[in-house]
Amino acid sequence: MSPSSVRLTVALPTYNGARHLAEALRSILDQSSPPFDLLVCDDRSEDETLSVIQQLAGDRARIVVNPERLGLAGNWNRCASLSRTPYLAIVHQDDVLLPGHLALLLRVFSQHPDLGMACGATQVIDEFSLLIPPSVIERPDLGPTDRLYPPGAFVAELAERNPVRCSSVMLQVDALNDVGGFDPSYRYAVDWDCWLRIARRWPVAWLTTPTVAVRWHSESETHRFHRGTADLDEVARLLDQLHTLDSALLPDPLASRRAADRALSAAYLNRSLDALHAGDALLARSSLGRSFSLHRPILGRILRDPRLALQMAALVLAPRWASRHLQHPAESPSVPPRNEPPAEP
């Protein structure tokens, strides 16, 4: 098949991803249709990443090694700049595409050629590729039917949290270029910010059937506890900007902002609890204070759980004692189900 007939680039930005890369790569290579250009942009990996790619993909992959470390946004932008096709799918190095994923999204574009992006629901799997139930990690729910959003309408779906996982997305390259690509000033919310800028100006399609499995590294503390709040602070910055610039696009701006603050407050509370269990009382106290400042009724949720209330009280009244005696408990008190996306590679 001639290169001019290929309309899709599947980009795999990699960095030290050898552990799960083989499964991700096989899931791409096993997509029966449509024909696609497989592009690997490696951000100077120091493990066996390149060997895995070369062994499994051979000459089916166009492999580029960045001359220097570009970071997350930089590597994604490099993927876009090297794309030779009108459509681009960026797949994370540890996620898994289910059969028919690429064909389904490209069919949506063929039916609606003015789309800026098509995306959809996802499954969540652990390090052993076993499904994680929604009671452990919430799934974003945008309703039971596929939806086509006109320009500006999808912003409302992004106003409280980010329901879109990068591996589930297919982009029109013109749309990505139109909004200036991925913003390197973001590290944690880089995808959320990009979807928002596209949604303001382009139509977006949402599909309800999960066709991608996103991997949650349960063995990694990165997904439960960050030594700091840079990720949550970045989300707060994005939400402040969104609710300042896009209030006219929201059906009920005040209710939307309250819901966003409530969700972010719960995330700070989770971070406080994780920090306390890790023995970092300073981080635990600052996170708890941020949680309370965002959504004061969070105090009621704390008080309804006696164990959680006692631990938070100890943190406030005797932080040194709490950091010594509450470190690594046998089991955690009940807290709201996590709605944090898996960390990006």
Protein backbone atom coordinates (compact mmCIF):
# COMPACT_ATOMS: atom_id res chain seq x y z
CA MET A 1 0.00 0.00 0.00
CA SER A 2 1.38 3.40 -0.96
CA PRO A 3 2.33 5.82 1.83
CA SER A 4 -0.11 8.41 0.41
CA SER A 5 -3.05 6.09 1.19
CA VAL A 6 -2.13 5.89 4.90
CA ARG A 7 -4.16 8.45 6.83
CA LEU A 8 -3.24 7.62 10.41
CA THR A 9 -0.07 7.87 12.48
CA VAL A 10 0.05 5.85 15.68
CA ALA A 11 2.69 7.48 17.84
CA LEU A 12 4.32 5.75 20.79
CA PRO A 13 6.28 8.25 22.91
CA THR A 14 8.63 6.20 25.08
CA TYR A 15 10.93 6.68 28.03
CA ASN A 16 12.19 3.81 30.21
CA GLY A 17 9.04 1.82 29.56
CA ALA A 18 10.44 -1.65 28.90
CA ARG A 19 8.41 -3.43 31.59
CA HIS A 20 4.98 -3.10 29.90
CA LEU A 21 6.03 -1.96 26.46
CA ALA A 22 5.76 -5.35 24.77
CA GLU A 23 2.07 -5.68 25.62
CA ALA A 24 1.36 -2.13 24.49
CA LEU A 25 3.25 -2.60 21.25
CA ARG A 26 1.58 -5.93 20.45
CA SER A 27 -1.84 -4.36 20.97
CA ILE A 28 -0.95 -1.73 18.36
CA LEU A 29 0.53 -4.16 15.86
CA ASP A 30 -2.48 -6.46 16.22
CA GLN A 31 -4.93 -3.76 15.09
CA SER A 32 -6.22 -5.34 11.88
CA SER A 33 -7.18 -2.09 10.21
CA PRO A 34 -6.79 0.63 9.09
CA PRO A 35 -3.24 0.80 7.74
CA PHE A 36 -1.15 3.16 9.83
CA ASP A 37 2.33 4.58 10.19
CA LEU A 38 3.82 3.45 13.50
CA LEU A 39 6.09 6.16 14.89
CA VAL A 40 8.19 5.69 18.03
CA CYS A 41 9.74 8.79 19.61
CA ASP A 42 12.09 7.70 22.35
CA ASP A 43 13.11 10.34 24.90
CA ARG A 44 16.56 8.83 25.45
CA SER A 45 15.57 5.75 27.44
CA GLU A 46 18.16 4.15 29.69
CA ASP A 47 16.58 0.70 29.89
CA GLU A 48 15.72 -1.95 27.27
CA THR A 49 12.96 0.10 25.63
CA LEU A 50 14.59 0.37 22.20
CA SER A 51 15.53 -3.31 22.16
CA VAL A 52 11.93 -4.30 22.86
CA ILE A 53 10.68 -2.10 20.05
CA GLN A 54 13.23 -3.32 17.55
CA GLN A 55 12.62 -6.95 18.44
CA LEU A 56 8.82 -6.80 18.21
CA ALA A 57 8.17 -4.17 15.56
CA GLY A 58 11.19 -4.52 13.32
CA ASP A 59 10.78 -2.49 10.16
CA ARG A 60 7.09 -1.84 10.89
CA ALA A 61 8.09 1.03 13.18
CA ARG A 62 9.69 4.35 12.34
CA ILE A 63 11.99 4.84 15.34
CA VAL A 64 13.32 8.27 16.28
CA VAL A 65 15.56 8.93 19.28
CA ASN A 66 15.38 12.49 20.52
CA PRO A 67 18.76 14.30 20.52
CA GLU A 68 18.07 15.41 24.09
CA ARG A 69 15.43 14.80 26.78
CA LEU A 70 12.29 16.69 25.80
CA GLY A 71 9.97 15.72 28.62
CA LEU A 72 6.34 14.71 28.29
CA ALA A 73 4.89 17.63 26.32
CA GLY A 74 8.02 17.99 24.23
CA ASN A 75 8.00 14.33 23.22
CA TRP A 76 4.30 14.44 22.35
CA ASN A 77 4.88 17.55 20.25
CA ARG A 78 7.75 15.81 18.49
CA CYS A 79 5.40 12.94 17.64
CA ALA A 80 2.98 15.44 16.11
CA SER A 81 5.69 17.24 14.16
CA LEU A 82 6.91 13.96 12.64
CA SER A 83 3.43 12.79 11.66
CA ARG A 84 2.89 12.45 7.91
CA THR A 85 -0.84 11.86 8.06
CA PRO A 86 -3.97 13.91 8.78
CA TYR A 87 -4.83 11.88 11.90
CA LEU A 88 -2.73 11.08 14.95
CA ALA A 89 -3.20 8.67 17.87
CA ILE A 90 -0.73 8.98 20.77
CA VAL A 91 -0.59 5.74 22.75
CA HIS A 92 1.07 5.50 26.14
CA GLN A 93 3.82 2.94 26.45
CA ASP A 94 2.02 0.84 29.08
CA ASP A 95 -1.59 1.04 27.91
CA VAL A 96 -3.34 -1.58 25.77
CA LEU A 97 -5.50 -1.01 22.69
CA LEU A 98 -8.41 -3.42 22.45
CA PRO A 99 -9.25 -5.00 19.05
CA GLY A 100 -10.91 -2.59 16.64
CA HIS A 101 -9.98 0.59 18.49
CA LEU A 102 -8.22 2.36 15.62
CA ALA A 103 -10.79 1.29 13.03
CA LEU A 104 -13.64 2.58 15.18
CA LEU A 105 -12.14 6.03 15.72
CA LEU A 106 -11.11 6.46 12.12
CA ARG A 107 -14.64 5.51 11.05
CA VAL A 108 -15.95 8.30 13.28
CA PHE A 109 -13.67 10.75 11.49
CA SER A 110 -14.84 9.50 8.10
CA GLN A 111 -18.44 10.23 9.17
CA HIS A 112 -17.56 13.61 10.71
CA PRO A 113 -14.49 14.98 8.91
CA ASP A 114 -14.61 18.31 10.75
CA LEU A 115 -13.88 16.71 14.14
CA GLY A 116 -10.95 17.99 16.14
CA MET A 117 -10.74 14.84 18.24
CA ALA A 118 -12.53 11.57 18.89
CA CYS A 119 -12.18 9.84 22.25
CA GLY A 120 -13.99 7.47 24.53
CA ALA A 121 -14.35 5.47 27.69
CA THR A 122 -11.59 3.23 28.99
CA GLN A 123 -11.01 0.21 31.17
CA VAL A 124 -8.37 0.28 33.92
CA ILE A 125 -5.93 -2.58 34.47
CA ASP A 126 -3.21 -3.27 37.01
CA GLU A 127 0.42 -4.26 36.52
CA PHE A 128 -0.71 -7.83 35.82
CA SER A 129 -3.27 -6.71 33.20
CA LEU A 130 -6.19 -7.56 35.48
CA LEU A 131 -9.23 -5.29 35.46
CA ILE A 132 -9.54 -2.89 38.42
CA PRO A 133 -13.16 -2.38 39.50
CA PRO A 134 -14.79 1.07 39.49
CA SER A 135 -15.13 0.86 43.28
CA VAL A 136 -11.34 1.27 43.45
CA ILE A 137 -10.87 3.77 40.61
CA GLU A 138 -13.87 5.67 39.33
CA ARG A 139 -14.62 5.66 35.61
CA PRO A 140 -15.67 8.96 34.02
CA ASP A 141 -19.28 8.64 32.91
CA LEU A 142 -20.57 10.89 30.14
CA GLY A 143 -23.83 9.02 29.66
CA PRO A 144 -24.96 5.78 27.99
CA THR A 145 -24.88 6.94 24.36
CA ASP A 146 -22.23 8.14 21.94
CA ARG A 147 -22.25 11.90 21.60
CA LEU A 148 -21.09 14.50 19.11
CA TYR A 149 -20.28 17.86 20.70
CA PRO A 150 -20.22 21.06 18.61
CA PRO A 151 -17.36 23.53 19.15
CA GLY A 152 -17.35 24.75 22.74
CA ALA A 153 -19.78 22.16 24.11
CA PHE A 154 -17.24 19.59 25.32
CA VAL A 155 -15.65 22.24 27.55
CA ALA A 156 -18.42 21.56 30.07
CA GLU A 157 -17.30 17.92 30.31
CA LEU A 158 -13.77 19.11 31.15
CA ALA A 159 -14.79 21.72 33.69
CA GLU A 160 -14.71 19.47 36.77
CA ARG A 161 -12.22 16.69 35.91
CA ASN A 162 -10.52 15.17 32.92
CA PRO A 163 -12.51 12.17 31.62
CA VAL A 164 -10.24 11.70 28.58
CA ARG A 165 -7.25 9.36 28.65
CA CYS A 166 -4.66 10.08 26.00
CA SER A 167 -4.49 6.55 24.60
CA SER A 168 -8.22 6.68 23.81
CA VAL A 169 -7.85 9.80 21.65
CA MET A 170 -7.51 10.25 17.91
CA LEU A 171 -6.65 13.78 16.83
CA GLN A 172 -6.97 15.68 13.61
CA VAL A 173 -3.44 17.03 13.22
CA ASP A 174 -4.79 20.32 11.86
CA ALA A 175 -6.73 20.79 15.10
CA LEU A 176 -3.67 20.10 17.24
CA ASN A 177 -1.62 22.54 15.20
CA ASP A 178 -4.44 25.08 15.33
CA VAL A 179 -4.25 25.28 19.13
CA GLY A 180 -0.46 25.25 19.29
CA GLY A 181 0.15 21.65 20.33
CA PHE A 182 0.84 20.50 23.89
CA ASP A 183 1.85 23.20 26.36
CA PRO A 184 5.23 22.38 28.00
CA SER A 185 4.40 24.65 30.95
CA TYR A 186 2.16 21.79 32.12
CA ARG A 187 3.66 18.56 33.37
CA TYR A 188 0.74 16.72 34.96
CA ALA A 189 -2.28 18.29 33.23
CA VAL A 190 -0.70 18.61 29.81
CA ASP A 191 -3.33 16.44 28.11
CA TRP A 192 -6.29 18.03 29.94
CA ASP A 193 -5.12 21.48 28.87
CA CYS A 194 -4.79 20.40 25.23
CA TRP A 195 -8.23 18.76 25.10
CA LEU A 196 -9.68 21.96 26.54
CA ARG A 197 -8.09 24.16 23.89
CA ILE A 198 -9.26 21.85 21.11
CA ALA A 199 -12.78 21.62 22.57
CA ARG A 200 -13.14 25.39 22.55
CA ARG A 201 -12.74 25.55 18.78
CA TRP A 202 -13.45 22.13 17.28
CA PRO A 203 -16.19 19.47 17.43
CA VAL A 204 -15.46 16.48 19.69
CA ALA A 205 -16.86 12.93 19.53
CA TRP A 206 -17.24 10.78 22.66
CA LEU A 207 -17.75 6.99 22.41
CA THR A 208 -19.16 5.07 25.37
CA THR A 209 -17.74 1.60 24.61
CA PRO A 210 -14.27 1.16 26.17
CA THR A 211 -11.71 0.26 23.50
CA VAL A 212 -8.55 0.99 25.52
CA ALA A 213 -7.20 -0.42 28.78
CA VAL A 214 -5.27 2.15 30.80
CA ARG A 215 -2.70 0.68 33.14
CA TRP A 216 -2.64 1.65 36.81
CA HIS A 217 0.67 0.82 38.44
CA SER A 218 -0.52 -0.33 41.84
CA GLU A 219 3.05 -1.14 42.83
CA SER A 220 4.15 2.43 42.24
CA GLU A 221 3.72 5.09 44.90
CA THR A 222 3.59 7.64 42.10
CA HIS A 223 -0.09 6.94 41.62
CA ARG A 224 -1.02 7.15 45.29
CA PHE A 225 1.43 9.54 46.84
CA HIS A 226 3.50 12.34 45.37
CA ARG A 227 6.13 13.98 47.52
CA GLY A 228 4.51 17.34 47.09
CA THR A 229 1.37 18.78 45.57
CA ALA A 230 2.73 20.02 42.26
CA ASP A 231 0.26 17.90 40.31
CA LEU A 232 -2.78 19.06 42.28
CA ASP A 233 -1.58 22.66 42.27
CA GLU A 234 -1.28 22.43 38.49
CA VAL A 235 -4.85 21.15 38.23
CA ALA A 236 -5.95 24.06 40.41
CA ARG A 237 -4.23 26.47 38.03
CA LEU A 238 -5.94 24.91 35.02
CA LEU A 239 -9.35 25.00 36.69
CA ASP A 240 -8.90 28.65 37.69
CA GLN A 241 -8.12 29.51 34.09
CA LEU A 242 -10.97 27.41 32.72
CA HIS A 243 -13.60 28.89 35.01
CA THR A 244 -12.35 32.39 34.26
CA LEU A 245 -12.22 32.08 30.48
CA ASP A 246 -15.01 29.61 29.75
CA SER A 247 -17.88 30.46 32.07
CA ALA A 248 -20.04 31.41 29.08
CA LEU A 249 -19.68 27.84 27.75
CA LEU A 250 -20.92 26.21 30.97
CA PRO A 251 -24.64 25.55 31.56
CA ASP A 252 -24.30 26.43 35.27
CA PRO A 253 -20.90 28.03 35.95
CA LEU A 254 -21.33 28.30 39.74
CA ALA A 255 -22.45 24.69 40.16
CA SER A 256 -19.64 23.52 37.89
CA ARG A 257 -17.04 25.42 39.88
CA ARG A 258 -18.36 24.04 43.16
CA ALA A 259 -18.20 20.50 41.78
CA ALA A 260 -14.64 21.06 40.55
CA ASP A 261 -13.56 22.44 43.92
CA ARG A 262 -15.26 19.53 45.70
CA ALA A 263 -13.40 16.97 43.60
CA LEU A 264 -10.06 18.76 44.01
CA SER A 265 -10.67 19.07 47.74
CA ALA A 266 -11.11 15.30 47.96
CA ALA A 267 -7.86 14.82 46.03
CA TYR A 268 -5.98 17.06 48.48
CA LEU A 269 -7.53 15.11 51.36
CA ASN A 270 -6.29 11.86 49.83
CA ARG A 271 -2.84 13.42 49.43
CA SER A 272 -2.90 14.51 53.07
CA LEU A 273 -3.74 10.99 54.21
CA ASP A 274 -1.07 9.44 51.98
CA ALA A 275 1.51 11.93 53.24
CA LEU A 276 0.58 11.22 56.86
CA HIS A 277 1.00 7.48 56.30
CA ALA A 278 4.38 8.19 54.71
CA GLY A 279 5.50 10.14 57.77
CA ASP A 280 5.48 13.58 56.13
CA ALA A 281 3.44 15.66 58.56
CA LEU A 282 4.31 18.98 56.91
CA LEU A 283 2.93 17.89 53.55
CA ALA A 284 -0.05 16.25 55.24
CA ARG A 285 -1.00 19.44 57.09
CA SER A 286 -0.60 21.70 54.06
CA SER A 287 -2.68 19.34 51.91
CA LEU A 288 -5.38 19.16 54.57
CA GLY A 289 -5.50 22.94 54.75
CA ARG A 290 -5.80 23.21 50.99
CA SER A 291 -8.59 20.64 51.02
CA PHE A 292 -10.53 22.60 53.61
CA SER A 293 -10.02 25.95 51.84
CA LEU A 294 -11.43 24.55 48.60
CA HIS A 295 -14.50 22.89 50.08
CA ARG A 296 -15.31 23.48 53.75
CA PRO A 297 -18.02 20.78 53.86
CA ILE A 298 -15.19 18.24 53.44
CA LEU A 299 -14.97 18.50 57.22
CA GLY A 300 -18.32 16.73 57.48
CA ARG A 301 -17.02 13.84 55.40
CA ILE A 302 -14.00 13.58 57.68
CA LEU A 303 -16.11 13.63 60.85
CA ARG A 304 -18.39 10.87 59.56
CA ASP A 305 -15.41 8.49 59.48
CA PRO A 306 -14.15 8.10 63.08
CA ARG A 307 -10.73 6.69 62.14
CA LEU A 308 -10.12 9.35 59.53
CA ALA A 309 -11.31 12.07 61.92
CA LEU A 310 -8.93 10.87 64.65
CA GLN A 311 -5.98 10.78 62.27
CA MET A 312 -6.70 14.25 60.90
CA ALA A 313 -7.19 15.62 64.43
CA ALA A 314 -3.87 14.14 65.49
CA LEU A 315 -2.25 15.69 62.43
CA VAL A 316 -3.55 19.14 63.35
CA LEU A 317 -2.93 18.97 67.11
CA ALA A 318 0.23 16.86 67.33
CA PRO A 319 1.85 16.58 63.88
CA ARG A 320 5.15 15.11 65.12
CA TRP A 321 3.39 12.41 67.11
CA ALA A 322 1.08 11.70 64.16
CA SER A 323 3.93 11.38 61.67
CA ARG A 324 5.69 8.86 63.93
CA HIS A 325 2.77 6.76 65.09
CA LEU A 326 0.45 6.81 62.07
CA GLN A 327 3.05 5.90 59.50
CA HIS A 328 2.19 2.90 57.29
CA PRO A 329 -0.95 1.64 59.03
CA ALA A 330 -2.19 -1.88 58.41
CA GLU A 331 -5.18 -0.53 56.52
CA SER A 332 -6.41 2.89 55.55
CA PRO A 333 -9.68 4.43 56.69
CA SER A 334 -12.36 4.79 54.09
CA VAL A 335 -11.90 7.79 51.84
CA PRO A 336 -13.73 8.75 48.65
CA PRO A 337 -12.92 6.52 45.64
CA ARG A 338 -10.00 7.91 43.71
CA ASN A 339 -10.73 9.73 40.48
CA GLU A 340 -7.15 10.53 39.60
CA PRO A 341 -5.85 9.49 36.19
CA PRO A 342 -2.88 7.18 35.94
CA ALA A 343 0.32 9.17 35.85
CA GLU A 344 1.73 9.77 32.41
CA PRO A 345 4.98 8.11 31.36
